[in-house]
Amino acid sequence: MNEMIFTLAQNGLSAKKHSEDDALHSTRKLWQTGAIVCFATGFLSLVSGFLLLSVAWFTNSALSGVLAKWAFIAPIPLMTLGAHCLDKLDFIEKAARKKRLDN
């Protein structure tokens, strides 16, 4: 199924065919970006938690200790969301493979 996508170009209105493969590619890119962002921020949160914990340990600062605890808790939902993005990527790959086999 092809759809027409109309875009406003410099010389007027132009039409471009938009296929389901393009939609799958853009959806795949979206979930890949989500997984990368979630895993990267989760990793950075863990690293900052270790740094804040070491600062709290050496300086006996309560604020650094509280921030370190939150920095250790924050990666749990981030990694869960990243795993969800990877599951969606797997689902998209299976759907694309099934579509190729059916055609």
PDB file of N, CA and C in Angstrom:
ATOM      1  N   MET A   1       0.842  -1.172   0.000  1.00  0.00           N
ATOM      2  CA  MET A   1       0.000   0.000   0.000  1.00  0.00           C
ATOM      3  C   MET A   1       0.889   1.237   0.000  1.00  0.00           C
ATOM      4  N   ASN A   2       0.749   2.044  -1.010  1.00  0.00           N
ATOM      5  CA  ASN A   2       1.532   3.266  -1.111  1.00  0.00           C
ATOM      6  C   ASN A   2       0.638   4.462  -0.859  1.00  0.00           C
ATOM      7  N   GLU A   3       1.159   5.414  -0.156  1.00  0.00           N
ATOM      8  CA  GLU A   3       0.453   6.644   0.116  1.00  0.00           C
ATOM      9  C   GLU A   3       1.226   7.777  -0.513  1.00  0.00           C
ATOM     10  N   MET A   4       0.521   8.833  -0.842  1.00  0.00           N
ATOM     11  CA  MET A   4       1.179  10.006  -1.391  1.00  0.00           C
ATOM     12  C   MET A   4       1.420  10.998  -0.261  1.00  0.00           C
ATOM     13  N   ILE A   5       2.633  11.457  -0.165  1.00  0.00           N
ATOM     14  CA  ILE A   5       2.991  12.467   0.817  1.00  0.00           C
ATOM     15  C   ILE A   5       3.265  13.752   0.040  1.00  0.00           C
ATOM     16  N   PHE A   6       2.563  14.804   0.390  1.00  0.00           N
ATOM     17  CA  PHE A   6       2.738  16.075  -0.284  1.00  0.00           C
ATOM     18  C   PHE A   6       3.599  16.988   0.576  1.00  0.00           C
ATOM     19  N   THR A   7       4.609  17.543  -0.042  1.00  0.00           N
ATOM     20  CA  THR A   7       5.492  18.468   0.672  1.00  0.00           C
ATOM     21  C   THR A   7       5.564  19.779  -0.089  1.00  0.00           C
ATOM     22  N   LEU A   8       5.760  20.833   0.652  1.00  0.00           N
ATOM     23  CA  LEU A   8       5.875  22.150   0.053  1.00  0.00           C
ATOM     24  C   LEU A   8       7.339  22.408  -0.253  1.00  0.00           C
ATOM     25  N   ALA A   9       7.673  22.404  -1.518  1.00  0.00           N
ATOM     26  CA  ALA A   9       9.053  22.630  -1.931  1.00  0.00           C
ATOM     27  C   ALA A   9       9.202  24.088  -2.353  1.00  0.00           C
ATOM     28  N   GLN A  10      10.416  24.446  -2.766  1.00  0.00           N
ATOM     29  CA  GLN A  10      10.689  25.809  -3.159  1.00  0.00           C
ATOM     30  C   GLN A  10       9.924  26.186  -4.428  1.00  0.00           C
ATOM     31  N   ASN A  11       9.770  25.240  -5.330  1.00  0.00           N
ATOM     32  CA  ASN A  11       9.104  25.522  -6.598  1.00  0.00           C
ATOM     33  C   ASN A  11       7.632  25.127  -6.598  1.00  0.00           C
ATOM     34  N   GLY A  12       7.069  24.848  -5.458  1.00  0.00           N
ATOM     35  CA  GLY A  12       5.653  24.515  -5.386  1.00  0.00           C
ATOM     36  C   GLY A  12       5.425  23.238  -4.607  1.00  0.00           C
ATOM     37  N   LEU A  13       4.279  22.642  -4.826  1.00  0.00           N
ATOM     38  CA  LEU A  13       3.884  21.434  -4.128  1.00  0.00           C
ATOM     39  C   LEU A  13       4.434  20.221  -4.857  1.00  0.00           C
ATOM     40  N   SER A  14       5.099  19.340  -4.131  1.00  0.00           N
ATOM     41  CA  SER A  14       5.627  18.126  -4.761  1.00  0.00           C
ATOM     42  C   SER A  14       5.045  16.915  -4.045  1.00  0.00           C
ATOM     43  N   ALA A  15       4.903  15.843  -4.803  1.00  0.00           N
ATOM     44  CA  ALA A  15       4.337  14.609  -4.255  1.00  0.00           C
ATOM     45  C   ALA A  15       5.406  13.534  -4.255  1.00  0.00           C
ATOM     46  N   LYS A  16       5.368  12.705  -3.246  1.00  0.00           N
ATOM     47  CA  LYS A  16       6.331  11.615  -3.132  1.00  0.00           C
ATOM     48  C   LYS A  16       5.588  10.394  -2.628  1.00  0.00           C
ATOM     49  N   LYS A  17       5.903   9.247  -3.192  1.00  0.00           N
ATOM     50  CA  LYS A  17       5.269   8.018  -2.733  1.00  0.00           C
ATOM     51  C   LYS A  17       5.895   7.604  -1.410  1.00  0.00           C
ATOM     52  N   HIS A  18       5.039   7.225  -0.496  1.00  0.00           N
ATOM     53  CA  HIS A  18       5.472   6.808   0.831  1.00  0.00           C
ATOM     54  C   HIS A  18       5.003   5.381   1.032  1.00  0.00           C
ATOM     55  N   SER A  19       5.924   4.469   1.126  1.00  0.00           N
ATOM     56  CA  SER A  19       5.554   3.064   1.233  1.00  0.00           C
ATOM     57  C   SER A  19       5.560   2.618   2.691  1.00  0.00           C
ATOM     58  N   GLU A  20       5.054   1.409   2.906  1.00  0.00           N
ATOM     59  CA  GLU A  20       5.057   0.849   4.263  1.00  0.00           C
ATOM     60  C   GLU A  20       6.481   0.558   4.725  1.00  0.00           C
ATOM     61  N   ASP A  21       7.380   0.278   3.774  1.00  0.00           N
ATOM     62  CA  ASP A  21       8.774   0.047   4.150  1.00  0.00           C
ATOM     63  C   ASP A  21       9.396   1.294   4.761  1.00  0.00           C
ATOM     64  N   ASP A  22       9.042   2.471   4.206  1.00  0.00           N
ATOM     65  CA  ASP A  22       9.536   3.720   4.785  1.00  0.00           C
ATOM     66  C   ASP A  22       8.989   3.918   6.195  1.00  0.00           C
ATOM     67  N   ALA A  23       7.722   3.557   6.390  1.00  0.00           N
ATOM     68  CA  ALA A  23       7.120   3.691   7.718  1.00  0.00           C
ATOM     69  C   ALA A  23       7.787   2.740   8.703  1.00  0.00           C
ATOM     70  N   LEU A  24       8.080   1.502   8.265  1.00  0.00           N
ATOM     71  CA  LEU A  24       8.777   0.561   9.143  1.00  0.00           C
ATOM     72  C   LEU A  24      10.172   1.065   9.479  1.00  0.00           C
ATOM     73  N   HIS A  25      10.836   1.655   8.483  1.00  0.00           N
ATOM     74  CA  HIS A  25      12.191   2.160   8.719  1.00  0.00           C
ATOM     75  C   HIS A  25      12.168   3.308   9.730  1.00  0.00           C
ATOM     76  N   SER A  26      11.211   4.220   9.583  1.00  0.00           N
ATOM     77  CA  SER A  26      11.158   5.349  10.518  1.00  0.00           C
ATOM     78  C   SER A  26      10.760   4.883  11.918  1.00  0.00           C
ATOM     79  N   THR A  27       9.865   3.883  11.993  1.00  0.00           N
ATOM     80  CA  THR A  27       9.486   3.342  13.297  1.00  0.00           C
ATOM     81  C   THR A  27      10.661   2.626  13.941  1.00  0.00           C
ATOM     82  N   ARG A  28      11.415   1.888  13.139  1.00  0.00           N
ATOM     83  CA  ARG A  28      12.599   1.187  13.643  1.00  0.00           C
ATOM     84  C   ARG A  28      13.616   2.193  14.176  1.00  0.00           C
ATOM     85  N   LYS A  29      13.815   3.285  13.450  1.00  0.00           N
ATOM     86  CA  LYS A  29      14.755   4.326  13.892  1.00  0.00           C
ATOM     87  C   LYS A  29      14.297   4.954  15.211  1.00  0.00           C
ATOM     88  N   LEU A  30      12.992   5.149  15.358  1.00  0.00           N
ATOM     89  CA  LEU A  30      12.459   5.739  16.582  1.00  0.00           C
ATOM     90  C   LEU A  30      12.746   4.844  17.783  1.00  0.00           C
ATOM     91  N   TRP A  31      12.484   3.541  17.669  1.00  0.00           N
ATOM     92  CA  TRP A  31      12.716   2.628  18.785  1.00  0.00           C
ATOM     93  C   TRP A  31      14.206   2.444  19.048  1.00  0.00           C
ATOM     94  N   GLN A  32      15.038   2.466  17.999  1.00  0.00           N
ATOM     95  CA  GLN A  32      16.489   2.381  18.208  1.00  0.00           C
ATOM     96  C   GLN A  32      16.992   3.592  18.970  1.00  0.00           C
ATOM     97  N   THR A  33      16.513   4.758  18.590  1.00  0.00           N
ATOM     98  CA  THR A  33      16.917   5.986  19.283  1.00  0.00           C
ATOM     99  C   THR A  33      16.476   5.952  20.738  1.00  0.00           C
ATOM    100  N   GLY A  34      15.255   5.483  20.976  1.00  0.00           N
ATOM    101  CA  GLY A  34      14.763   5.372  22.352  1.00  0.00           C
ATOM    102  C   GLY A  34      15.618   4.436  23.193  1.00  0.00           C
ATOM    103  N   ALA A  35      15.995   3.297  22.610  1.00  0.00           N
ATOM    104  CA  ALA A  35      16.827   2.333  23.347  1.00  0.00           C
ATOM    105  C   ALA A  35      18.200   2.927  23.650  1.00  0.00           C
ATOM    106  N   ILE A  36      18.791   3.588  22.680  1.00  0.00           N
ATOM    107  CA  ILE A  36      20.125   4.177  22.878  1.00  0.00           C
ATOM    108  C   ILE A  36      20.080   5.252  23.955  1.00  0.00           C
ATOM    109  N   VAL A  37      19.074   6.122  23.886  1.00  0.00           N
ATOM    110  CA  VAL A  37      18.959   7.206  24.871  1.00  0.00           C
ATOM    111  C   VAL A  37      18.731   6.645  26.274  1.00  0.00           C
ATOM    112  N   CYS A  38      17.850   5.663  26.391  1.00  0.00           N
ATOM    113  CA  CYS A  38      17.560   5.090  27.718  1.00  0.00           C
ATOM    114  C   CYS A  38      18.772   4.403  28.322  1.00  0.00           C
ATOM    115  N   PHE A  39      19.456   3.580  27.528  1.00  0.00           N
ATOM    116  CA  PHE A  39      20.622   2.874  28.062  1.00  0.00           C
ATOM    117  C   PHE A  39      21.774   3.834  28.356  1.00  0.00           C
ATOM    118  N   ALA A  40      21.960   4.852  27.504  1.00  0.00           N
ATOM    119  CA  ALA A  40      23.041   5.817  27.746  1.00  0.00           C
ATOM    120  C   ALA A  40      22.787   6.648  28.997  1.00  0.00           C
ATOM    121  N   THR A  41      21.566   7.137  29.166  1.00  0.00           N
ATOM    122  CA  THR A  41      21.277   7.928  30.368  1.00  0.00           C
ATOM    123  C   THR A  41      21.297   7.063  31.622  1.00  0.00           C
ATOM    124  N   GLY A  42      20.876   5.815  31.510  1.00  0.00           N
ATOM    125  CA  GLY A  42      20.965   4.909  32.654  1.00  0.00           C
ATOM    126  C   GLY A  42      22.401   4.660  33.067  1.00  0.00           C
ATOM    127  N   PHE A  43      23.268   4.463  32.075  1.00  0.00           N
ATOM    128  CA  PHE A  43      24.692   4.264  32.364  1.00  0.00           C
ATOM    129  C   PHE A  43      25.306   5.523  32.974  1.00  0.00           C
ATOM    130  N   LEU A  44      24.986   6.692  32.401  1.00  0.00           N
ATOM    131  CA  LEU A  44      25.519   7.944  32.946  1.00  0.00           C
ATOM    132  C   LEU A  44      24.998   8.199  34.364  1.00  0.00           C
ATOM    133  N   SER A  45      23.768   7.803  34.627  1.00  0.00           N
ATOM    134  CA  SER A  45      23.229   7.953  35.971  1.00  0.00           C
ATOM    135  C   SER A  45      23.982   7.069  36.963  1.00  0.00           C
ATOM    136  N   LEU A  46      24.308   5.852  36.555  1.00  0.00           N
ATOM    137  CA  LEU A  46      25.091   4.971  37.432  1.00  0.00           C
ATOM    138  C   LEU A  46      26.484   5.534  37.703  1.00  0.00           C
ATOM    139  N   VAL A  47      27.119   6.046  36.663  1.00  0.00           N
ATOM    140  CA  VAL A  47      28.462   6.629  36.827  1.00  0.00           C
ATOM    141  C   VAL A  47      28.397   7.837  37.752  1.00  0.00           C
ATOM    142  N   SER A  48      27.395   8.697  37.538  1.00  0.00           N
ATOM    143  CA  SER A  48      27.282   9.866  38.420  1.00  0.00           C
ATOM    144  C   SER A  48      26.941   9.435  39.848  1.00  0.00           C
ATOM    145  N   GLY A  49      26.191   8.348  39.998  1.00  0.00           N
ATOM    146  CA  GLY A  49      25.903   7.836  41.337  1.00  0.00           C
ATOM    147  C   GLY A  49      27.160   7.376  42.049  1.00  0.00           C
ATOM    148  N   PHE A  50      28.040   6.682  41.325  1.00  0.00           N
ATOM    149  CA  PHE A  50      29.315   6.268  41.923  1.00  0.00           C
ATOM    150  C   PHE A  50      30.156   7.479  42.313  1.00  0.00           C
ATOM    151  N   LEU A  51      30.203   8.484  41.445  1.00  0.00           N
ATOM    152  CA  LEU A  51      30.977   9.685  41.767  1.00  0.00           C
ATOM    153  C   LEU A  51      30.389  10.428  42.969  1.00  0.00           C
ATOM    154  N   LEU A  52      29.073  10.575  42.981  1.00  0.00           N
ATOM    155  CA  LEU A  52      28.435  11.257  44.119  1.00  0.00           C
ATOM    156  C   LEU A  52      28.589  10.468  45.410  1.00  0.00           C
ATOM    157  N   LEU A  53      28.536   9.157  45.319  1.00  0.00           N
ATOM    158  CA  LEU A  53      28.715   8.337  46.512  1.00  0.00           C
ATOM    159  C   LEU A  53      30.133   8.468  47.057  1.00  0.00           C
ATOM    160  N   SER A  54      31.115   8.528  46.159  1.00  0.00           N
ATOM    161  CA  SER A  54      32.493   8.692  46.639  1.00  0.00           C
ATOM    162  C   SER A  54      32.698  10.078  47.243  1.00  0.00           C
ATOM    163  N   VAL A  55      32.070  11.105  46.665  1.00  0.00           N
ATOM    164  CA  VAL A  55      32.154  12.449  47.243  1.00  0.00           C
ATOM    165  C   VAL A  55      31.475  12.467  48.617  1.00  0.00           C
ATOM    166  N   ALA A  56      30.316  11.836  48.707  1.00  0.00           N
ATOM    167  CA  ALA A  56      29.610  11.795  50.001  1.00  0.00           C
ATOM    168  C   ALA A  56      30.404  11.020  51.043  1.00  0.00           C
ATOM    169  N   TRP A  57      31.092  10.002  50.614  1.00  0.00           N
ATOM    170  CA  TRP A  57      31.860   9.189  51.546  1.00  0.00           C
ATOM    171  C   TRP A  57      33.062   9.953  52.095  1.00  0.00           C
ATOM    172  N   PHE A  58      33.758  10.693  51.188  1.00  0.00           N
ATOM    173  CA  PHE A  58      34.947  11.421  51.619  1.00  0.00           C
ATOM    174  C   PHE A  58      34.621  12.729  52.333  1.00  0.00           C
ATOM    175  N   THR A  59      33.549  13.395  51.942  1.00  0.00           N
ATOM    176  CA  THR A  59      33.237  14.697  52.540  1.00  0.00           C
ATOM    177  C   THR A  59      32.168  14.613  53.627  1.00  0.00           C
ATOM    178  N   ASN A  60      31.548  13.465  53.775  1.00  0.00           N
ATOM    179  CA  ASN A  60      30.482  13.259  54.755  1.00  0.00           C
ATOM    180  C   ASN A  60      29.332  14.240  54.512  1.00  0.00           C
ATOM    181  N   SER A  61      28.996  14.430  53.227  1.00  0.00           N
ATOM    182  CA  SER A  61      27.929  15.349  52.831  1.00  0.00           C
ATOM    183  C   SER A  61      26.612  14.579  52.681  1.00  0.00           C
ATOM    184  N   ALA A  62      25.585  15.063  53.332  1.00  0.00           N
ATOM    185  CA  ALA A  62      24.279  14.396  53.271  1.00  0.00           C
ATOM    186  C   ALA A  62      23.623  14.592  51.906  1.00  0.00           C
ATOM    187  N   LEU A  63      23.796  15.775  51.316  1.00  0.00           N
ATOM    188  CA  LEU A  63      23.180  16.064  50.020  1.00  0.00           C
ATOM    189  C   LEU A  63      23.740  15.147  48.933  1.00  0.00           C
ATOM    190  N   SER A  64      25.043  14.936  48.938  1.00  0.00           N
ATOM    191  CA  SER A  64      25.648  14.040  47.946  1.00  0.00           C
ATOM    192  C   SER A  64      25.164  12.615  48.139  1.00  0.00           C
ATOM    193  N   GLY A  65      24.958  12.216  49.372  1.00  0.00           N
ATOM    194  CA  GLY A  65      24.453  10.869  49.642  1.00  0.00           C
ATOM    195  C   GLY A  65      23.046  10.671  49.120  1.00  0.00           C
ATOM    196  N   VAL A  66      22.187  11.692  49.308  1.00  0.00           N
ATOM    197  CA  VAL A  66      20.810  11.604  48.814  1.00  0.00           C
ATOM    198  C   VAL A  66      20.801  11.591  47.291  1.00  0.00           C
ATOM    199  N   LEU A  67      21.593  12.462  46.677  1.00  0.00           N
ATOM    200  CA  LEU A  67      21.673  12.489  45.212  1.00  0.00           C
ATOM    201  C   LEU A  67      22.232  11.183  44.657  1.00  0.00           C
ATOM    202  N   ALA A  68      23.182  10.589  45.368  1.00  0.00           N
ATOM    203  CA  ALA A  68      23.750   9.317  44.925  1.00  0.00           C
ATOM    204  C   ALA A  68      22.698   8.217  44.969  1.00  0.00           C
ATOM    205  N   LYS A  69      21.871   8.226  45.997  1.00  0.00           N
ATOM    206  CA  LYS A  69      20.807   7.214  46.075  1.00  0.00           C
ATOM    207  C   LYS A  69      19.845   7.352  44.902  1.00  0.00           C
ATOM    208  N   TRP A  70      19.450   8.586  44.577  1.00  0.00           N
ATOM    209  CA  TRP A  70      18.559   8.799  43.442  1.00  0.00           C
ATOM    210  C   TRP A  70      19.245   8.443  42.127  1.00  0.00           C
ATOM    211  N   ALA A  71      20.544   8.685  42.048  1.00  0.00           N
ATOM    212  CA  ALA A  71      21.266   8.330  40.825  1.00  0.00           C
ATOM    213  C   ALA A  71      21.368   6.813  40.658  1.00  0.00           C
ATOM    214  N   PHE A  72      21.310   6.079  41.756  1.00  0.00           N
ATOM    215  CA  PHE A  72      21.299   4.616  41.661  1.00  0.00           C
ATOM    216  C   PHE A  72      19.896   4.076  41.390  1.00  0.00           C
ATOM    217  N   ILE A  73      18.859   4.807  41.783  1.00  0.00           N
ATOM    218  CA  ILE A  73      17.487   4.363  41.561  1.00  0.00           C
ATOM    219  C   ILE A  73      17.011   4.699  40.145  1.00  0.00           C
ATOM    220  N   ALA A  74      17.459   5.817  39.603  1.00  0.00           N
ATOM    221  CA  ALA A  74      16.994   6.286  38.290  1.00  0.00           C
ATOM    222  C   ALA A  74      17.239   5.297  37.138  1.00  0.00           C
ATOM    223  N   PRO A  75      18.334   4.553  37.106  1.00  0.00           N
ATOM    224  CA  PRO A  75      18.536   3.638  35.966  1.00  0.00           C
ATOM    225  C   PRO A  75      17.541   2.485  35.884  1.00  0.00           C
ATOM    226  N   ILE A  76      16.860   2.170  36.972  1.00  0.00           N
ATOM    227  CA  ILE A  76      15.928   1.036  36.938  1.00  0.00           C
ATOM    228  C   ILE A  76      14.803   1.282  35.922  1.00  0.00           C
ATOM    229  N   PRO A  77      14.057   2.404  36.000  1.00  0.00           N
ATOM    230  CA  PRO A  77      13.031   2.618  34.976  1.00  0.00           C
ATOM    231  C   PRO A  77      13.623   2.918  33.601  1.00  0.00           C
ATOM    232  N   LEU A  78      14.808   3.548  33.573  1.00  0.00           N
ATOM    233  CA  LEU A  78      15.430   3.830  32.278  1.00  0.00           C
ATOM    234  C   LEU A  78      15.827   2.545  31.552  1.00  0.00           C
ATOM    235  N   MET A  79      16.412   1.613  32.274  1.00  0.00           N
ATOM    236  CA  MET A  79      16.797   0.339  31.655  1.00  0.00           C
ATOM    237  C   MET A  79      15.555  -0.476  31.276  1.00  0.00           C
ATOM    238  N   THR A  80      14.496  -0.371  32.077  1.00  0.00           N
ATOM    239  CA  THR A  80      13.249  -1.060  31.746  1.00  0.00           C
ATOM    240  C   THR A  80      12.654  -0.501  30.457  1.00  0.00           C
ATOM    241  N   LEU A  81      12.661   0.815  30.317  1.00  0.00           N
ATOM    242  CA  LEU A  81      12.168   1.438  29.090  1.00  0.00           C
ATOM    243  C   LEU A  81      13.047   1.079  27.895  1.00  0.00           C
ATOM    244  N   GLY A  82      14.357   1.022  28.106  1.00  0.00           N
ATOM    245  CA  GLY A  82      15.262   0.601  27.039  1.00  0.00           C
ATOM    246  C   GLY A  82      15.002  -0.833  26.601  1.00  0.00           C
ATOM    247  N   ALA A  83      14.713  -1.715  27.561  1.00  0.00           N
ATOM    248  CA  ALA A  83      14.378  -3.103  27.229  1.00  0.00           C
ATOM    249  C   ALA A  83      13.061  -3.173  26.465  1.00  0.00           C
ATOM    250  N   HIS A  84      12.120  -2.321  26.814  1.00  0.00           N
ATOM    251  CA  HIS A  84      10.854  -2.260  26.079  1.00  0.00           C
ATOM    252  C   HIS A  84      11.102  -1.833  24.628  1.00  0.00           C
ATOM    253  N   CYS A  85      11.979  -0.862  24.439  1.00  0.00           N
ATOM    254  CA  CYS A  85      12.317  -0.422  23.083  1.00  0.00           C
ATOM    255  C   CYS A  85      12.951  -1.556  22.281  1.00  0.00           C
ATOM    256  N   LEU A  86      13.811  -2.341  22.912  1.00  0.00           N
ATOM    257  CA  LEU A  86      14.415  -3.480  22.222  1.00  0.00           C
ATOM    258  C   LEU A  86      13.370  -4.543  21.885  1.00  0.00           C
ATOM    259  N   ASP A  87      12.395  -4.745  22.765  1.00  0.00           N
ATOM    260  CA  ASP A  87      11.304  -5.682  22.470  1.00  0.00           C
ATOM    261  C   ASP A  87      10.490  -5.210  21.274  1.00  0.00           C
ATOM    262  N   LYS A  88      10.228  -3.917  21.212  1.00  0.00           N
ATOM    263  CA  LYS A  88       9.492  -3.373  20.072  1.00  0.00           C
ATOM    264  C   LYS A  88      10.293  -3.524  18.779  1.00  0.00           C
ATOM    265  N   LEU A  89      11.613  -3.336  18.863  1.00  0.00           N
ATOM    266  CA  LEU A  89      12.459  -3.548  17.678  1.00  0.00           C
ATOM    267  C   LEU A  89      12.375  -4.985  17.201  1.00  0.00           C
ATOM    268  N   ASP A  90      12.384  -5.925  18.135  1.00  0.00           N
ATOM    269  CA  ASP A  90      12.269  -7.333  17.777  1.00  0.00           C
ATOM    270  C   ASP A  90      10.912  -7.611  17.128  1.00  0.00           C
ATOM    271  N   PHE A  91       9.858  -7.014  17.661  1.00  0.00           N
ATOM    272  CA  PHE A  91       8.522  -7.182  17.088  1.00  0.00           C
ATOM    273  C   PHE A  91       8.465  -6.635  15.666  1.00  0.00           C
ATOM    274  N   ILE A  92       9.078  -5.483  15.425  1.00  0.00           N
ATOM    275  CA  ILE A  92       9.098  -4.887  14.089  1.00  0.00           C
ATOM    276  C   ILE A  92       9.879  -5.770  13.122  1.00  0.00           C
ATOM    277  N   GLU A  93      11.015  -6.304  13.574  1.00  0.00           N
ATOM    278  CA  GLU A  93      11.807  -7.191  12.720  1.00  0.00           C
ATOM    279  C   GLU A  93      11.022  -8.448  12.346  1.00  0.00           C
ATOM    280  N   LYS A  94      10.311  -9.024  13.313  1.00  0.00           N
ATOM    281  CA  LYS A  94       9.506 -10.214  13.029  1.00  0.00           C
ATOM    282  C   LYS A  94       8.383  -9.898  12.050  1.00  0.00           C
ATOM    283  N   ALA A  95       7.747  -8.734  12.204  1.00  0.00           N
ATOM    284  CA  ALA A  95       6.674  -8.344  11.292  1.00  0.00           C
ATOM    285  C   ALA A  95       7.210  -8.121   9.882  1.00  0.00           C
ATOM    286  N   ALA A  96       8.383  -7.495   9.770  1.00  0.00           N
ATOM    287  CA  ALA A  96       8.972  -7.267   8.452  1.00  0.00           C
ATOM    288  C   ALA A  96       9.379  -8.588   7.808  1.00  0.00           C
ATOM    289  N   ARG A  97       9.927  -9.514   8.607  1.00  0.00           N
ATOM    290  CA  ARG A  97      10.320 -10.819   8.081  1.00  0.00           C
ATOM    291  C   ARG A  97       9.090 -11.594   7.609  1.00  0.00           C
ATOM    292  N   LYS A  98       8.013 -11.533   8.380  1.00  0.00           N
ATOM    293  CA  LYS A  98       6.784 -12.229   8.002  1.00  0.00           C
ATOM    294  C   LYS A  98       6.201 -11.628   6.730  1.00  0.00           C
ATOM    295  N   LYS A  99       6.267 -10.308   6.611  1.00  0.00           N
ATOM    296  CA  LYS A  99       5.750  -9.634   5.418  1.00  0.00           C
ATOM    297  C   LYS A  99       6.556 -10.037   4.183  1.00  0.00           C
ATOM    298  N   ARG A 100       7.870 -10.139   4.323  1.00  0.00           N
ATOM    299  CA  ARG A 100       8.712 -10.554   3.190  1.00  0.00           C
ATOM    300  C   ARG A 100       8.400 -11.983   2.778  1.00  0.00           C
ATOM    301  N   LEU A 101       8.158 -12.860   3.751  1.00  0.00           N
ATOM    302  CA  LEU A 101       7.864 -14.262   3.443  1.00  0.00           C
ATOM    303  C   LEU A 101       6.483 -14.417   2.811  1.00  0.00           C
ATOM    304  N   ASP A 102       5.520 -13.570   3.208  1.00  0.00           N
ATOM    305  CA  ASP A 102       4.179 -13.654   2.649  1.00  0.00           C
ATOM    306  C   ASP A 102       4.124 -13.162   1.211  1.00  0.00           C
ATOM    307  N   ASN A 103       5.008 -12.248   0.848  1.00  0.00           N
ATOM    308  CA  ASN A 103       5.009 -11.716  -0.531  1.00  0.00           C
ATOM    309  C   ASN A 103       5.797 -12.576  -1.413  1.00  0.00           C
TER     310      ASN A 103
END
